[in-house]
Amino acid sequence: MTGSRTRAAGLALLAVLALVLSGCGGFGSKEPQTLDTTIKSYVALGDGFAAAPYVGRTTSKDGCLRAELNYPQQVANALHITDFKDVSCVGASTKAITDPYRPPGTKKDVPAQLDAVTADTDLVTITVGVSDGDLLNSMFRICTEAPCTGQILAKDVIDRLNQIATDLPATIRAVVAKAPNAYVVVVGYPELLPLDNGCKSLPRMTDDQWSLAQLAWQKFTTSLSSAARQAGASFLDVQRLSAEHAPCSKQAWVNGQKAIKGKRVAYHPKPLEQQAVATAVVAQVNTR
């Protein structure tokens, strides 16, 4: 009798263990589910450093000068994304993400870039900020002491940088809120200033102006990184990526100060820069 009870208790214990194991992925469990991390829907937002005017054939007819070899298109190709919207636009400021914007030389507004983002968007890249308050050109015209005819007081440049640092997090949050499941990458800007003054591709500046410009550009990159972190997005430090490719280097990644209509925009990316940025974005997406 005792043996029967012991045997029955043992069988009951085995049944309980089998039930627990099946619930924990043991015997009798289904195959583990693999998380689908494929990017199906990608939206590219930003200014001319994303649109990359004249880096290949111009694909837009709205004045935004998006090019067929810009980094967003290369990212979409590399990740085999078919649902891809590129609304980047040359000269776009941070405000153009959330409000209609009129590209230079056109008579019609383009919609707010945020309109392209939906709840189903998986990936968003954002390259924006350098056009705010004409920061890009102001950086090369910093005035160290009055009078400042045709130049910008250092204090005014600092004020513009502070405003950008305030505006960017809110804008990125608006993107994150509209696509809560998306991987959002704030893509920074390439190095525009060599270590030494005297680059003939850039405006002539005194050593003091040069030092201030370098500080301003570094502060801007830091603001981008901080804004991304505050808004819960990732950041790609393109300034660091392009440290050896500033203007006047053997393999510069950006144009100099001379613009040529239909061929290049001053200070904007060259094909090698866009290729390098695309490769870095893809690597970051694949290891997210």
C-alpha atoms as a PDB file:
ATOM      1  CA  MET A   1       0.000   0.000   0.000  1.00  0.00           C
ATOM      2  CA  THR A   2       2.718   2.360   0.946  1.00  0.00           C
ATOM      3  CA  GLY A   3       4.573   1.562  -2.301  1.00  0.00           C
ATOM      4  CA  SER A   4       1.478   2.395  -4.366  1.00  0.00           C
ATOM      5  CA  ARG A   5       1.070   5.749  -2.626  1.00  0.00           C
ATOM      6  CA  THR A   6       4.732   6.561  -3.147  1.00  0.00           C
ATOM      7  CA  ARG A   7       4.498   5.628  -6.815  1.00  0.00           C
ATOM      8  CA  ALA A   8       1.337   7.738  -7.272  1.00  0.00           C
ATOM      9  CA  ALA A   9       2.977  10.720  -5.593  1.00  0.00           C
ATOM     10  CA  GLY A  10       5.994  10.335  -7.837  1.00  0.00           C
ATOM     11  CA  LEU A  11       3.834  10.256 -10.961  1.00  0.00           C
ATOM     12  CA  ALA A  12       1.981  13.375  -9.815  1.00  0.00           C
ATOM     13  CA  LEU A  13       5.286  15.165  -9.238  1.00  0.00           C
ATOM     14  CA  LEU A  14       6.482  14.198 -12.718  1.00  0.00           C
ATOM     15  CA  ALA A  15       3.263  15.540 -14.217  1.00  0.00           C
ATOM     16  CA  VAL A  16       3.711  18.879 -12.427  1.00  0.00           C
ATOM     17  CA  LEU A  17       7.351  19.112 -13.544  1.00  0.00           C
ATOM     18  CA  ALA A  18       6.372  18.371 -17.151  1.00  0.00           C
ATOM     19  CA  LEU A  19       3.738  21.117 -17.007  1.00  0.00           C
ATOM     20  CA  VAL A  20       6.222  23.641 -15.581  1.00  0.00           C
ATOM     21  CA  LEU A  21       8.884  22.740 -18.128  1.00  0.00           C
ATOM     22  CA  SER A  22       6.459  23.061 -21.026  1.00  0.00           C
ATOM     23  CA  GLY A  23       5.528  26.538 -19.817  1.00  0.00           C
ATOM     24  CA  CYS A  24       9.199  27.539 -19.558  1.00  0.00           C
ATOM     25  CA  GLY A  25      10.174  26.442 -23.039  1.00  0.00           C
ATOM     26  CA  GLY A  26      11.052  22.860 -22.020  1.00  0.00           C
ATOM     27  CA  PHE A  27       9.585  19.620 -23.351  1.00  0.00           C
ATOM     28  CA  GLY A  28       6.441  20.050 -25.413  1.00  0.00           C
ATOM     29  CA  SER A  29       6.948  23.813 -25.936  1.00  0.00           C
ATOM     30  CA  LYS A  30       6.561  25.552 -29.293  1.00  0.00           C
ATOM     31  CA  GLU A  31       9.544  26.860 -31.237  1.00  0.00           C
ATOM     32  CA  PRO A  32      10.742  30.190 -29.766  1.00  0.00           C
ATOM     33  CA  GLN A  33       9.429  33.214 -31.619  1.00  0.00           C
ATOM     34  CA  THR A  34      12.067  35.264 -33.482  1.00  0.00           C
ATOM     35  CA  LEU A  35      11.664  39.018 -33.125  1.00  0.00           C
ATOM     36  CA  ASP A  36      11.185  40.643 -36.532  1.00  0.00           C
ATOM     37  CA  THR A  37      13.630  43.556 -36.699  1.00  0.00           C
ATOM     38  CA  THR A  38      13.256  44.179 -40.416  1.00  0.00           C
ATOM     39  CA  ILE A  39      12.793  47.834 -41.362  1.00  0.00           C
ATOM     40  CA  LYS A  40       9.717  48.080 -43.555  1.00  0.00           C
ATOM     41  CA  SER A  41       8.976  51.826 -43.514  1.00  0.00           C
ATOM     42  CA  TYR A  42      11.630  54.569 -43.536  1.00  0.00           C
ATOM     43  CA  VAL A  43      11.224  58.364 -43.559  1.00  0.00           C
ATOM     44  CA  ALA A  44      14.144  60.763 -44.061  1.00  0.00           C
ATOM     45  CA  LEU A  45      13.803  64.287 -42.649  1.00  0.00           C
ATOM     46  CA  GLY A  46      16.201  67.189 -42.809  1.00  0.00           C
ATOM     47  CA  ASP A  47      18.017  69.859 -44.773  1.00  0.00           C
ATOM     48  CA  GLY A  48      20.560  69.948 -47.596  1.00  0.00           C
ATOM     49  CA  PHE A  49      22.998  67.714 -45.737  1.00  0.00           C
ATOM     50  CA  ALA A  50      20.430  64.939 -46.163  1.00  0.00           C
ATOM     51  CA  ALA A  51      19.047  66.066 -49.537  1.00  0.00           C
ATOM     52  CA  ALA A  52      22.671  66.365 -50.802  1.00  0.00           C
ATOM     53  CA  PRO A  53      22.028  68.604 -53.831  1.00  0.00           C
ATOM     54  CA  TYR A  54      23.726  67.437 -57.044  1.00  0.00           C
ATOM     55  CA  VAL A  55      25.118  64.251 -55.526  1.00  0.00           C
ATOM     56  CA  GLY A  56      23.763  62.421 -58.525  1.00  0.00           C
ATOM     57  CA  ARG A  57      20.612  63.206 -60.484  1.00  0.00           C
ATOM     58  CA  THR A  58      18.057  65.505 -58.825  1.00  0.00           C
ATOM     59  CA  THR A  59      14.961  63.434 -58.027  1.00  0.00           C
ATOM     60  CA  SER A  60      12.638  66.138 -56.668  1.00  0.00           C
ATOM     61  CA  LYS A  61      10.694  68.788 -58.584  1.00  0.00           C
ATOM     62  CA  ASP A  62       9.715  70.906 -55.588  1.00  0.00           C
ATOM     63  CA  GLY A  63      12.940  72.906 -55.289  1.00  0.00           C
ATOM     64  CA  CYS A  64      14.309  70.747 -52.457  1.00  0.00           C
ATOM     65  CA  LEU A  65      17.156  69.413 -54.645  1.00  0.00           C
ATOM     66  CA  ARG A  66      17.066  65.867 -53.286  1.00  0.00           C
ATOM     67  CA  ALA A  67      19.629  63.744 -55.109  1.00  0.00           C
ATOM     68  CA  GLU A  68      19.503  60.103 -56.126  1.00  0.00           C
ATOM     69  CA  LEU A  69      22.744  59.288 -54.294  1.00  0.00           C
ATOM     70  CA  ASN A  70      21.998  61.031 -51.019  1.00  0.00           C
ATOM     71  CA  TYR A  71      22.494  59.045 -47.829  1.00  0.00           C
ATOM     72  CA  PRO A  72      18.767  58.370 -47.220  1.00  0.00           C
ATOM     73  CA  GLN A  73      18.390  56.690 -50.614  1.00  0.00           C
ATOM     74  CA  GLN A  74      21.552  54.662 -50.064  1.00  0.00           C
ATOM     75  CA  VAL A  75      20.278  53.556 -46.640  1.00  0.00           C
ATOM     76  CA  ALA A  76      16.953  52.523 -48.158  1.00  0.00           C
ATOM     77  CA  ASN A  77      18.747  50.534 -50.865  1.00  0.00           C
ATOM     78  CA  ALA A  78      21.110  48.820 -48.431  1.00  0.00           C
ATOM     79  CA  LEU A  79      18.278  47.784 -46.100  1.00  0.00           C
ATOM     80  CA  HIS A  80      15.991  46.777 -49.007  1.00  0.00           C
ATOM     81  CA  ILE A  81      13.256  49.157 -47.867  1.00  0.00           C
ATOM     82  CA  THR A  82      10.424  49.626 -50.354  1.00  0.00           C
ATOM     83  CA  ASP A  83       8.237  51.942 -48.249  1.00  0.00           C
ATOM     84  CA  PHE A  84      10.623  54.900 -48.302  1.00  0.00           C
ATOM     85  CA  LYS A  85       9.841  58.611 -48.143  1.00  0.00           C
ATOM     86  CA  ASP A  86      12.544  61.248 -48.430  1.00  0.00           C
ATOM     87  CA  VAL A  87      11.230  64.736 -47.624  1.00  0.00           C
ATOM     88  CA  SER A  88      14.590  66.361 -46.848  1.00  0.00           C
ATOM     89  CA  CYS A  89      14.962  69.793 -48.411  1.00  0.00           C
ATOM     90  CA  VAL A  90      17.873  72.145 -49.013  1.00  0.00           C
ATOM     91  CA  GLY A  91      17.842  75.100 -46.615  1.00  0.00           C
ATOM     92  CA  ALA A  92      15.215  73.566 -44.304  1.00  0.00           C
ATOM     93  CA  SER A  93      15.358  74.715 -40.692  1.00  0.00           C
ATOM     94  CA  THR A  94      14.188  72.883 -37.599  1.00  0.00           C
ATOM     95  CA  LYS A  95      10.818  74.601 -38.003  1.00  0.00           C
ATOM     96  CA  ALA A  96      10.392  72.934 -41.419  1.00  0.00           C
ATOM     97  CA  ILE A  97       9.988  69.603 -39.640  1.00  0.00           C
ATOM     98  CA  THR A  98       6.708  70.700 -38.070  1.00  0.00           C
ATOM     99  CA  ASP A  99       5.558  73.538 -40.375  1.00  0.00           C
ATOM    100  CA  PRO A 100       5.270  74.140 -44.135  1.00  0.00           C
ATOM    101  CA  TYR A 101       8.454  75.462 -45.732  1.00  0.00           C
ATOM    102  CA  ARG A 102       9.259  77.282 -48.965  1.00  0.00           C
ATOM    103  CA  PRO A 103      12.486  76.091 -50.629  1.00  0.00           C
ATOM    104  CA  PRO A 104      14.851  78.786 -51.931  1.00  0.00           C
ATOM    105  CA  GLY A 105      13.893  80.199 -55.322  1.00  0.00           C
ATOM    106  CA  THR A 106      10.411  78.665 -55.357  1.00  0.00           C
ATOM    107  CA  LYS A 107       6.919  80.124 -55.043  1.00  0.00           C
ATOM    108  CA  LYS A 108       5.162  77.238 -53.332  1.00  0.00           C
ATOM    109  CA  ASP A 109       5.456  75.778 -49.854  1.00  0.00           C
ATOM    110  CA  VAL A 110       6.205  72.119 -49.294  1.00  0.00           C
ATOM    111  CA  PRO A 111       4.309  70.373 -46.465  1.00  0.00           C
ATOM    112  CA  ALA A 112       5.723  69.988 -42.981  1.00  0.00           C
ATOM    113  CA  GLN A 113       8.165  67.103 -43.123  1.00  0.00           C
ATOM    114  CA  LEU A 114       6.540  65.485 -40.100  1.00  0.00           C
ATOM    115  CA  ASP A 115       3.473  64.800 -42.270  1.00  0.00           C
ATOM    116  CA  ALA A 116       5.402  61.961 -43.929  1.00  0.00           C
ATOM    117  CA  VAL A 117       5.838  60.122 -40.610  1.00  0.00           C
ATOM    118  CA  THR A 118       3.144  57.676 -39.480  1.00  0.00           C
ATOM    119  CA  ALA A 119       2.591  55.317 -36.571  1.00  0.00           C
ATOM    120  CA  ASP A 120       3.814  52.467 -38.802  1.00  0.00           C
ATOM    121  CA  THR A 121       7.170  54.098 -39.566  1.00  0.00           C
ATOM    122  CA  ASP A 122      10.056  51.847 -38.439  1.00  0.00           C
ATOM    123  CA  LEU A 123      13.017  54.144 -39.110  1.00  0.00           C
ATOM    124  CA  VAL A 124      13.460  57.923 -39.146  1.00  0.00           C
ATOM    125  CA  THR A 125      16.658  59.839 -39.839  1.00  0.00           C
ATOM    126  CA  ILE A 126      16.878  63.550 -39.027  1.00  0.00           C
ATOM    127  CA  THR A 127      19.592  65.945 -40.179  1.00  0.00           C
ATOM    128  CA  VAL A 128      18.555  69.451 -39.212  1.00  0.00           C
ATOM    129  CA  GLY A 129      19.648  72.543 -37.287  1.00  0.00           C
ATOM    130  CA  VAL A 130      22.457  74.135 -39.269  1.00  0.00           C
ATOM    131  CA  SER A 131      20.081  76.393 -41.218  1.00  0.00           C
ATOM    132  CA  ASP A 132      18.520  77.789 -38.044  1.00  0.00           C
ATOM    133  CA  GLY A 133      19.373  81.472 -37.767  1.00  0.00           C
ATOM    134  CA  ASP A 134      21.680  81.027 -40.776  1.00  0.00           C
ATOM    135  CA  LEU A 135      24.184  79.367 -38.441  1.00  0.00           C
ATOM    136  CA  LEU A 136      26.200  77.847 -41.278  1.00  0.00           C
ATOM    137  CA  ASN A 137      27.134  81.189 -42.812  1.00  0.00           C
ATOM    138  CA  SER A 138      27.262  83.042 -39.495  1.00  0.00           C
ATOM    139  CA  MET A 139      29.974  80.722 -38.259  1.00  0.00           C
ATOM    140  CA  PHE A 140      32.328  81.999 -40.943  1.00  0.00           C
ATOM    141  CA  ARG A 141      31.542  85.659 -40.191  1.00  0.00           C
ATOM    142  CA  ILE A 142      32.051  85.825 -36.433  1.00  0.00           C
ATOM    143  CA  CYS A 143      33.094  89.269 -35.258  1.00  0.00           C
ATOM    144  CA  THR A 144      35.469  89.444 -32.306  1.00  0.00           C
ATOM    145  CA  GLU A 145      35.168  93.199 -31.682  1.00  0.00           C
ATOM    146  CA  ALA A 146      33.020  96.146 -32.824  1.00  0.00           C
ATOM    147  CA  PRO A 147      32.427  97.606 -35.351  1.00  0.00           C
ATOM    148  CA  CYS A 148      31.149  94.482 -37.127  1.00  0.00           C
ATOM    149  CA  THR A 149      30.299  95.662 -40.624  1.00  0.00           C
ATOM    150  CA  GLY A 150      29.061  92.675 -42.606  1.00  0.00           C
ATOM    151  CA  GLN A 151      29.867  90.292 -39.768  1.00  0.00           C
ATOM    152  CA  ILE A 152      28.071  88.697 -36.818  1.00  0.00           C
ATOM    153  CA  LEU A 153      28.839  89.413 -33.182  1.00  0.00           C
ATOM    154  CA  ALA A 154      30.076  86.374 -31.288  1.00  0.00           C
ATOM    155  CA  LYS A 155      27.284  86.934 -28.754  1.00  0.00           C
ATOM    156  CA  ASP A 156      24.681  86.668 -31.521  1.00  0.00           C
ATOM    157  CA  VAL A 157      26.175  83.384 -32.703  1.00  0.00           C
ATOM    158  CA  ILE A 158      26.052  82.064 -29.136  1.00  0.00           C
ATOM    159  CA  ASP A 159      22.415  83.161 -28.849  1.00  0.00           C
ATOM    160  CA  ARG A 160      21.576  81.265 -32.031  1.00  0.00           C
ATOM    161  CA  LEU A 161      23.321  78.158 -30.730  1.00  0.00           C
ATOM    162  CA  ASN A 162      21.390  78.378 -27.472  1.00  0.00           C
ATOM    163  CA  GLN A 163      18.112  78.705 -29.363  1.00  0.00           C
ATOM    164  CA  ILE A 164      18.940  75.650 -31.461  1.00  0.00           C
ATOM    165  CA  ALA A 165      19.704  73.698 -28.284  1.00  0.00           C
ATOM    166  CA  THR A 166      16.233  74.654 -27.040  1.00  0.00           C
ATOM    167  CA  ASP A 167      14.299  73.970 -30.256  1.00  0.00           C
ATOM    168  CA  LEU A 168      15.811  70.644 -31.295  1.00  0.00           C
ATOM    169  CA  PRO A 169      14.676  68.386 -28.413  1.00  0.00           C
ATOM    170  CA  ALA A 170      11.040  69.444 -28.804  1.00  0.00           C
ATOM    171  CA  THR A 171      11.141  68.808 -32.542  1.00  0.00           C
ATOM    172  CA  ILE A 172      12.718  65.377 -32.162  1.00  0.00           C
ATOM    173  CA  ARG A 173      10.143  64.517 -29.480  1.00  0.00           C
ATOM    174  CA  ALA A 174       7.384  65.392 -31.964  1.00  0.00           C
ATOM    175  CA  VAL A 175       8.859  62.856 -34.386  1.00  0.00           C
ATOM    176  CA  VAL A 176       9.211  60.195 -31.682  1.00  0.00           C
ATOM    177  CA  ALA A 177       5.633  60.795 -30.545  1.00  0.00           C
ATOM    178  CA  LYS A 178       4.241  60.315 -34.045  1.00  0.00           C
ATOM    179  CA  ALA A 179       6.235  57.131 -34.655  1.00  0.00           C
ATOM    180  CA  PRO A 180       6.564  55.621 -31.151  1.00  0.00           C
ATOM    181  CA  ASN A 181       7.910  52.283 -32.415  1.00  0.00           C
ATOM    182  CA  ALA A 182      10.452  53.736 -34.832  1.00  0.00           C
ATOM    183  CA  TYR A 183      14.202  53.740 -34.466  1.00  0.00           C
ATOM    184  CA  VAL A 184      15.040  57.456 -34.718  1.00  0.00           C
ATOM    185  CA  VAL A 185      18.570  58.534 -35.629  1.00  0.00           C
ATOM    186  CA  VAL A 186      19.713  62.151 -35.444  1.00  0.00           C
ATOM    187  CA  VAL A 187      22.465  62.327 -38.055  1.00  0.00           C
ATOM    188  CA  GLY A 188      25.042  65.019 -37.390  1.00  0.00           C
ATOM    189  CA  TYR A 189      27.084  67.167 -39.735  1.00  0.00           C
ATOM    190  CA  PRO A 190      30.559  66.713 -41.241  1.00  0.00           C
ATOM    191  CA  GLU A 191      33.644  68.580 -40.149  1.00  0.00           C
ATOM    192  CA  LEU A 192      33.709  71.981 -41.857  1.00  0.00           C
ATOM    193  CA  LEU A 193      36.811  73.446 -40.248  1.00  0.00           C
ATOM    194  CA  PRO A 194      40.369  72.103 -40.572  1.00  0.00           C
ATOM    195  CA  LEU A 195      42.561  72.293 -37.507  1.00  0.00           C
ATOM    196  CA  ASP A 196      44.656  75.084 -38.996  1.00  0.00           C
ATOM    197  CA  ASN A 197      43.566  78.435 -40.397  1.00  0.00           C
ATOM    198  CA  GLY A 198      44.405  79.316 -43.995  1.00  0.00           C
ATOM    199  CA  CYS A 199      42.244  76.871 -45.974  1.00  0.00           C
ATOM    200  CA  LYS A 200      41.591  78.640 -49.286  1.00  0.00           C
ATOM    201  CA  SER A 201      38.311  76.786 -49.776  1.00  0.00           C
ATOM    202  CA  LEU A 202      36.867  78.729 -46.824  1.00  0.00           C
ATOM    203  CA  PRO A 203      36.440  82.462 -46.102  1.00  0.00           C
ATOM    204  CA  ARG A 204      39.495  84.313 -44.822  1.00  0.00           C
ATOM    205  CA  MET A 205      39.409  84.691 -41.032  1.00  0.00           C
ATOM    206  CA  THR A 206      41.729  85.915 -38.313  1.00  0.00           C
ATOM    207  CA  ASP A 207      43.091  83.324 -35.892  1.00  0.00           C
ATOM    208  CA  ASP A 208      40.660  84.574 -33.222  1.00  0.00           C
ATOM    209  CA  GLN A 209      37.712  84.207 -35.603  1.00  0.00           C
ATOM    210  CA  TRP A 210      38.940  80.749 -36.558  1.00  0.00           C
ATOM    211  CA  SER A 211      39.109  79.640 -32.934  1.00  0.00           C
ATOM    212  CA  LEU A 212      35.621  80.987 -32.225  1.00  0.00           C
ATOM    213  CA  ALA A 213      34.236  79.272 -35.317  1.00  0.00           C
ATOM    214  CA  GLN A 214      35.696  75.950 -34.182  1.00  0.00           C
ATOM    215  CA  LEU A 215      34.175  76.387 -30.737  1.00  0.00           C
ATOM    216  CA  ALA A 216      30.805  77.246 -32.277  1.00  0.00           C
ATOM    217  CA  TRP A 217      30.846  74.182 -34.541  1.00  0.00           C
ATOM    218  CA  GLN A 218      31.781  71.884 -31.670  1.00  0.00           C
ATOM    219  CA  LYS A 219      29.047  73.357 -29.475  1.00  0.00           C
ATOM    220  CA  PHE A 220      26.563  72.772 -32.282  1.00  0.00           C
ATOM    221  CA  THR A 221      27.516  69.097 -32.570  1.00  0.00           C
ATOM    222  CA  THR A 222      27.238  68.744 -28.785  1.00  0.00           C
ATOM    223  CA  SER A 223      23.762  70.318 -28.924  1.00  0.00           C
ATOM    224  CA  LEU A 224      22.665  67.784 -31.542  1.00  0.00           C
ATOM    225  CA  SER A 225      23.905  64.883 -29.435  1.00  0.00           C
ATOM    226  CA  SER A 226      22.248  66.251 -26.310  1.00  0.00           C
ATOM    227  CA  ALA A 227      18.947  66.898 -28.106  1.00  0.00           C
ATOM    228  CA  ALA A 228      18.860  63.333 -29.412  1.00  0.00           C
ATOM    229  CA  ARG A 229      19.521  61.933 -25.943  1.00  0.00           C
ATOM    230  CA  GLN A 230      16.850  64.134 -24.338  1.00  0.00           C
ATOM    231  CA  ALA A 231      14.251  63.037 -26.881  1.00  0.00           C
ATOM    232  CA  GLY A 232      15.061  59.336 -26.680  1.00  0.00           C
ATOM    233  CA  ALA A 233      16.700  59.121 -30.116  1.00  0.00           C
ATOM    234  CA  SER A 234      20.097  57.836 -31.233  1.00  0.00           C
ATOM    235  CA  PHE A 235      22.873  60.057 -32.544  1.00  0.00           C
ATOM    236  CA  LEU A 236      25.433  59.585 -35.315  1.00  0.00           C
ATOM    237  CA  ASP A 237      28.474  61.824 -34.841  1.00  0.00           C
ATOM    238  CA  VAL A 238      29.385  62.656 -38.429  1.00  0.00           C
ATOM    239  CA  GLN A 239      31.842  65.335 -37.299  1.00  0.00           C
ATOM    240  CA  ARG A 240      33.969  62.640 -35.689  1.00  0.00           C
ATOM    241  CA  LEU A 241      33.455  60.319 -38.656  1.00  0.00           C
ATOM    242  CA  SER A 242      34.770  62.997 -41.032  1.00  0.00           C
ATOM    243  CA  ALA A 243      37.607  64.352 -38.872  1.00  0.00           C
ATOM    244  CA  GLU A 244      40.209  63.561 -41.540  1.00  0.00           C
ATOM    245  CA  HIS A 245      38.078  64.914 -44.384  1.00  0.00           C
ATOM    246  CA  ALA A 246      37.618  68.622 -43.651  1.00  0.00           C
ATOM    247  CA  PRO A 247      37.906  71.187 -46.458  1.00  0.00           C
ATOM    248  CA  CYS A 248      41.438  71.405 -47.901  1.00  0.00           C
ATOM    249  CA  SER A 249      42.221  67.831 -46.838  1.00  0.00           C
ATOM    250  CA  LYS A 250      43.413  65.346 -49.461  1.00  0.00           C
ATOM    251  CA  GLN A 251      39.927  63.866 -49.592  1.00  0.00           C
ATOM    252  CA  ALA A 252      37.484  66.590 -48.536  1.00  0.00           C
ATOM    253  CA  TRP A 253      33.920  65.453 -47.932  1.00  0.00           C
ATOM    254  CA  VAL A 254      32.278  68.871 -48.329  1.00  0.00           C
ATOM    255  CA  ASN A 255      32.360  71.653 -50.909  1.00  0.00           C
ATOM    256  CA  GLY A 256      34.138  74.912 -50.223  1.00  0.00           C
ATOM    257  CA  GLN A 257      32.587  78.381 -50.121  1.00  0.00           C
ATOM    258  CA  LYS A 258      32.042  78.641 -53.889  1.00  0.00           C
ATOM    259  CA  ALA A 259      28.670  77.485 -55.140  1.00  0.00           C
ATOM    260  CA  ILE A 260      28.116  76.571 -58.797  1.00  0.00           C
ATOM    261  CA  LYS A 261      24.495  76.609 -59.919  1.00  0.00           C
ATOM    262  CA  GLY A 262      23.370  73.193 -61.014  1.00  0.00           C
ATOM    263  CA  LYS A 263      26.571  71.549 -59.791  1.00  0.00           C
ATOM    264  CA  ARG A 264      27.237  72.202 -56.122  1.00  0.00           C
ATOM    265  CA  VAL A 265      26.045  74.117 -53.068  1.00  0.00           C
ATOM    266  CA  ALA A 266      28.601  75.836 -50.832  1.00  0.00           C
ATOM    267  CA  TYR A 267      29.731  73.789 -47.789  1.00  0.00           C
ATOM    268  CA  HIS A 268      27.361  70.930 -48.690  1.00  0.00           C
ATOM    269  CA  PRO A 269      28.280  67.231 -48.945  1.00  0.00           C
ATOM    270  CA  LYS A 270      30.190  65.477 -51.681  1.00  0.00           C
ATOM    271  CA  PRO A 271      29.396  61.896 -52.791  1.00  0.00           C
ATOM    272  CA  LEU A 272      32.037  60.319 -50.529  1.00  0.00           C
ATOM    273  CA  GLU A 273      30.497  61.952 -47.449  1.00  0.00           C
ATOM    274  CA  GLN A 274      27.033  60.688 -48.283  1.00  0.00           C
ATOM    275  CA  GLN A 275      28.348  57.180 -48.901  1.00  0.00           C
ATOM    276  CA  ALA A 276      30.205  57.149 -45.576  1.00  0.00           C
ATOM    277  CA  VAL A 277      27.172  58.467 -43.690  1.00  0.00           C
ATOM    278  CA  ALA A 278      24.903  55.879 -45.295  1.00  0.00           C
ATOM    279  CA  THR A 279      27.283  53.079 -44.315  1.00  0.00           C
ATOM    280  CA  ALA A 280      27.407  54.350 -40.725  1.00  0.00           C
ATOM    281  CA  VAL A 281      23.616  54.677 -40.485  1.00  0.00           C
ATOM    282  CA  VAL A 282      23.109  51.138 -41.800  1.00  0.00           C
ATOM    283  CA  ALA A 283      25.636  49.778 -39.296  1.00  0.00           C
ATOM    284  CA  GLN A 284      23.899  51.604 -36.463  1.00  0.00           C
ATOM    285  CA  VAL A 285      20.471  50.321 -37.532  1.00  0.00           C
ATOM    286  CA  ASN A 286      21.729  46.743 -37.781  1.00  0.00           C
ATOM    287  CA  THR A 287      23.215  46.828 -34.277  1.00  0.00           C
ATOM    288  CA  ARG A 288      20.369  48.701 -32.567  1.00  0.00           C
END
